[in-house]
Amino acid sequence: MMWYGHGFGYGLIATVIGLLTTVIVVVIILRIVDRTSRDISPQRSTPDEVLADRYARGEITDEEYRHRASVLRDQEQSIR
């Protein structure tokens, strides 16, 4: 591209600016997507937390809660 006899002129500068703009936009989009995917992923609850939640909602009785909690403690101790 010869413009007015000055070599490449603004064509090279425009190409570099266009590429930099594209790279910046892609990086911003990837960061946004990565951030939202981390927010969406559910946090894993421990068995004790699940048991306590079920008890708090009234899904299990006092007796069931105590029995299941003792089973979980026994399993935890046997693993160690």
N, C-alpha and C. Protein backbone atom coordinates (compact mmCIF):
# COMPACT_ATOMS: atom_id res chain seq x y z
N MET A 1 0.82 -1.17 0.00
CA MET A 1 0.00 0.00 0.00
C MET A 1 0.88 1.25 0.00
N MET A 2 0.85 1.92 -1.01
CA MET A 2 1.64 3.14 -1.10
C MET A 2 0.68 4.31 -1.11
N TRP A 3 0.74 5.10 -0.08
CA TRP A 3 -0.10 6.29 -0.01
C TRP A 3 0.78 7.52 -0.09
N TYR A 4 0.61 8.23 -1.06
CA TYR A 4 1.33 9.48 -1.25
C TYR A 4 2.84 9.30 -1.17
N GLY A 5 3.30 8.10 -1.52
CA GLY A 5 4.73 7.87 -1.57
C GLY A 5 5.40 7.74 -0.21
N HIS A 6 4.65 7.46 0.86
CA HIS A 6 5.23 7.35 2.20
C HIS A 6 5.26 5.92 2.71
N GLY A 7 5.45 4.94 1.91
CA GLY A 7 5.52 3.55 2.35
C GLY A 7 4.17 3.03 2.77
N PHE A 8 4.12 2.36 3.91
CA PHE A 8 2.88 1.76 4.38
C PHE A 8 1.90 2.79 4.94
N GLY A 9 2.39 3.89 5.37
CA GLY A 9 1.51 4.93 5.88
C GLY A 9 0.77 4.51 7.12
N TYR A 10 -0.50 4.82 7.18
CA TYR A 10 -1.29 4.53 8.37
C TYR A 10 -1.87 3.11 8.37
N GLY A 11 -1.69 2.39 7.30
CA GLY A 11 -2.22 1.03 7.22
C GLY A 11 -1.65 0.11 8.28
N LEU A 12 -0.35 0.17 8.49
CA LEU A 12 0.30 -0.66 9.49
C LEU A 12 -0.13 -0.25 10.89
N ILE A 13 -0.20 1.03 11.14
CA ILE A 13 -0.61 1.51 12.46
C ILE A 13 -2.05 1.10 12.74
N ALA A 14 -2.92 1.23 11.75
CA ALA A 14 -4.33 0.85 11.92
C ALA A 14 -4.45 -0.65 12.19
N THR A 15 -3.64 -1.46 11.52
CA THR A 15 -3.67 -2.90 11.73
C THR A 15 -3.24 -3.25 13.16
N VAL A 16 -2.19 -2.64 13.64
CA VAL A 16 -1.70 -2.91 15.01
C VAL A 16 -2.75 -2.47 16.02
N ILE A 17 -3.33 -1.30 15.84
CA ILE A 17 -4.35 -0.82 16.77
C ILE A 17 -5.57 -1.74 16.74
N GLY A 18 -5.96 -2.20 15.57
CA GLY A 18 -7.08 -3.13 15.45
C GLY A 18 -6.81 -4.44 16.16
N LEU A 19 -5.62 -4.99 16.00
CA LEU A 19 -5.26 -6.24 16.67
C LEU A 19 -5.23 -6.07 18.18
N LEU A 20 -4.65 -4.98 18.66
CA LEU A 20 -4.61 -4.73 20.10
C LEU A 20 -6.02 -4.58 20.67
N THR A 21 -6.87 -3.89 19.95
CA THR A 21 -8.25 -3.72 20.41
C THR A 21 -8.96 -5.07 20.48
N THR A 22 -8.77 -5.90 19.48
CA THR A 22 -9.38 -7.23 19.46
C THR A 22 -8.88 -8.07 20.63
N VAL A 23 -7.59 -8.06 20.88
CA VAL A 23 -7.02 -8.84 21.98
C VAL A 23 -7.57 -8.35 23.31
N ILE A 24 -7.64 -7.05 23.50
CA ILE A 24 -8.17 -6.50 24.75
C ILE A 24 -9.61 -6.90 24.96
N VAL A 25 -10.43 -6.82 23.92
CA VAL A 25 -11.85 -7.19 24.03
C VAL A 25 -11.98 -8.67 24.37
N VAL A 26 -11.19 -9.53 23.73
CA VAL A 26 -11.25 -10.97 24.01
C VAL A 26 -10.85 -11.26 25.45
N VAL A 27 -9.80 -10.61 25.95
CA VAL A 27 -9.35 -10.81 27.33
C VAL A 27 -10.44 -10.38 28.30
N ILE A 28 -11.07 -9.25 28.06
CA ILE A 28 -12.14 -8.78 28.94
C ILE A 28 -13.30 -9.77 28.96
N ILE A 29 -13.70 -10.25 27.80
CA ILE A 29 -14.80 -11.22 27.72
C ILE A 29 -14.45 -12.50 28.47
N LEU A 30 -13.23 -13.00 28.29
CA LEU A 30 -12.82 -14.23 28.97
C LEU A 30 -12.80 -14.05 30.49
N ARG A 31 -12.38 -12.90 30.96
CA ARG A 31 -12.38 -12.65 32.41
C ARG A 31 -13.80 -12.60 32.96
N ILE A 32 -14.70 -11.98 32.23
CA ILE A 32 -16.10 -11.91 32.68
C ILE A 32 -16.71 -13.30 32.73
N VAL A 33 -16.48 -14.10 31.69
CA VAL A 33 -17.04 -15.45 31.65
C VAL A 33 -16.45 -16.29 32.77
N ASP A 34 -15.15 -16.19 33.01
CA ASP A 34 -14.50 -16.97 34.07
C ASP A 34 -15.04 -16.57 35.44
N ARG A 35 -15.22 -15.30 35.66
CA ARG A 35 -15.72 -14.81 36.95
C ARG A 35 -17.15 -15.30 37.20
N THR A 36 -18.00 -15.25 36.18
CA THR A 36 -19.38 -15.68 36.37
C THR A 36 -19.47 -17.19 36.53
N SER A 37 -18.59 -17.94 35.89
CA SER A 37 -18.65 -19.39 36.05
C SER A 37 -18.26 -19.80 37.46
N ARG A 38 -17.38 -19.05 38.11
CA ARG A 38 -17.01 -19.35 39.49
C ARG A 38 -18.16 -19.02 40.43
N ASP A 39 -18.90 -17.98 40.14
CA ASP A 39 -20.02 -17.59 40.98
C ASP A 39 -21.17 -18.57 40.89
N ILE A 40 -21.32 -19.21 39.75
CA ILE A 40 -22.44 -20.13 39.53
C ILE A 40 -22.20 -21.48 40.18
N SER A 41 -20.95 -21.91 40.24
CA SER A 41 -20.66 -23.24 40.75
C SER A 41 -21.10 -23.36 42.21
N PRO A 42 -21.85 -24.42 42.51
CA PRO A 42 -22.35 -24.57 43.88
C PRO A 42 -21.21 -24.96 44.84
N GLN A 43 -21.35 -24.50 46.06
CA GLN A 43 -20.37 -24.88 47.06
C GLN A 43 -20.76 -26.23 47.64
N ARG A 44 -19.79 -27.06 47.84
CA ARG A 44 -20.05 -28.40 48.36
C ARG A 44 -20.19 -28.34 49.87
N SER A 45 -21.22 -28.99 50.36
CA SER A 45 -21.46 -29.04 51.80
C SER A 45 -20.89 -30.33 52.36
N THR A 46 -20.45 -30.26 53.60
CA THR A 46 -19.97 -31.46 54.27
C THR A 46 -21.19 -32.28 54.70
N PRO A 47 -21.02 -33.56 54.95
CA PRO A 47 -22.13 -34.39 55.42
C PRO A 47 -22.76 -33.85 56.70
N ASP A 48 -21.93 -33.31 57.60
CA ASP A 48 -22.46 -32.73 58.84
C ASP A 48 -23.38 -31.55 58.54
N GLU A 49 -22.98 -30.71 57.59
CA GLU A 49 -23.79 -29.55 57.23
C GLU A 49 -25.12 -29.96 56.60
N VAL A 50 -25.07 -30.97 55.74
CA VAL A 50 -26.30 -31.47 55.12
C VAL A 50 -27.23 -32.02 56.19
N LEU A 51 -26.69 -32.78 57.12
CA LEU A 51 -27.49 -33.35 58.20
C LEU A 51 -28.12 -32.25 59.06
N ALA A 52 -27.32 -31.24 59.41
CA ALA A 52 -27.82 -30.13 60.22
C ALA A 52 -28.91 -29.35 59.47
N ASP A 53 -28.74 -29.16 58.17
CA ASP A 53 -29.76 -28.48 57.37
C ASP A 53 -31.07 -29.26 57.35
N ARG A 54 -30.96 -30.56 57.16
CA ARG A 54 -32.17 -31.39 57.14
C ARG A 54 -32.88 -31.36 58.48
N TYR A 55 -32.11 -31.37 59.57
CA TYR A 55 -32.69 -31.29 60.90
C TYR A 55 -33.37 -29.94 61.12
N ALA A 56 -32.71 -28.87 60.67
CA ALA A 56 -33.26 -27.52 60.84
C ALA A 56 -34.57 -27.35 60.05
N ARG A 57 -34.66 -28.00 58.91
CA ARG A 57 -35.89 -27.91 58.11
C ARG A 57 -36.99 -28.83 58.63
N GLY A 58 -36.66 -29.67 59.60
CA GLY A 58 -37.65 -30.58 60.16
C GLY A 58 -37.86 -31.85 59.36
N GLU A 59 -36.93 -32.16 58.49
CA GLU A 59 -37.05 -33.37 57.67
C GLU A 59 -36.74 -34.63 58.46
N ILE A 60 -35.95 -34.52 59.52
CA ILE A 60 -35.62 -35.68 60.34
C ILE A 60 -35.88 -35.34 61.81
N THR A 61 -36.11 -36.36 62.60
CA THR A 61 -36.41 -36.17 64.02
C THR A 61 -35.13 -36.02 64.83
N ASP A 62 -35.30 -35.69 66.11
CA ASP A 62 -34.15 -35.58 67.01
C ASP A 62 -33.38 -36.89 67.07
N GLU A 63 -34.13 -37.97 67.20
CA GLU A 63 -33.50 -39.29 67.32
C GLU A 63 -32.71 -39.63 66.05
N GLU A 64 -33.32 -39.37 64.88
CA GLU A 64 -32.62 -39.64 63.62
C GLU A 64 -31.35 -38.80 63.51
N TYR A 65 -31.48 -37.53 63.89
CA TYR A 65 -30.33 -36.63 63.82
C TYR A 65 -29.17 -37.15 64.68
N ARG A 66 -29.47 -37.49 65.92
CA ARG A 66 -28.41 -37.98 66.82
C ARG A 66 -27.78 -39.26 66.29
N HIS A 67 -28.63 -40.17 65.81
CA HIS A 67 -28.11 -41.45 65.29
C HIS A 67 -27.20 -41.21 64.08
N ARG A 68 -27.68 -40.43 63.14
CA ARG A 68 -26.89 -40.19 61.93
C ARG A 68 -25.61 -39.40 62.23
N ALA A 69 -25.68 -38.47 63.17
CA ALA A 69 -24.48 -37.71 63.55
C ALA A 69 -23.45 -38.63 64.18
N SER A 70 -23.91 -39.57 65.01
CA SER A 70 -22.96 -40.50 65.63
C SER A 70 -22.35 -41.43 64.57
N VAL A 71 -23.14 -41.84 63.59
CA VAL A 71 -22.61 -42.67 62.51
C VAL A 71 -21.54 -41.90 61.73
N LEU A 72 -21.82 -40.64 61.43
CA LEU A 72 -20.83 -39.83 60.72
C LEU A 72 -19.55 -39.67 61.53
N ARG A 73 -19.67 -39.43 62.83
CA ARG A 73 -18.47 -39.29 63.68
C ARG A 73 -17.68 -40.60 63.70
N ASP A 74 -18.39 -41.73 63.80
CA ASP A 74 -17.71 -43.04 63.81
C ASP A 74 -16.96 -43.26 62.50
N GLN A 75 -17.59 -42.92 61.39
CA GLN A 75 -16.94 -43.09 60.09
C GLN A 75 -15.72 -42.19 59.98
N GLU A 76 -15.86 -40.96 60.47
CA GLU A 76 -14.76 -40.02 60.41
C GLU A 76 -13.57 -40.50 61.24
N GLN A 77 -13.85 -41.06 62.41
CA GLN A 77 -12.78 -41.57 63.27
C GLN A 77 -12.12 -42.81 62.67
N SER A 78 -12.89 -43.65 62.01
CA SER A 78 -12.31 -44.87 61.42
C SER A 78 -11.43 -44.54 60.21
N ILE A 79 -11.69 -43.43 59.56
CA ILE A 79 -10.87 -43.04 58.42
C ILE A 79 -9.50 -42.56 58.89
N ARG A 80 -9.46 -41.88 60.01
CA ARG A 80 -8.19 -41.36 60.52
C ARG A 80 -7.36 -42.42 61.07
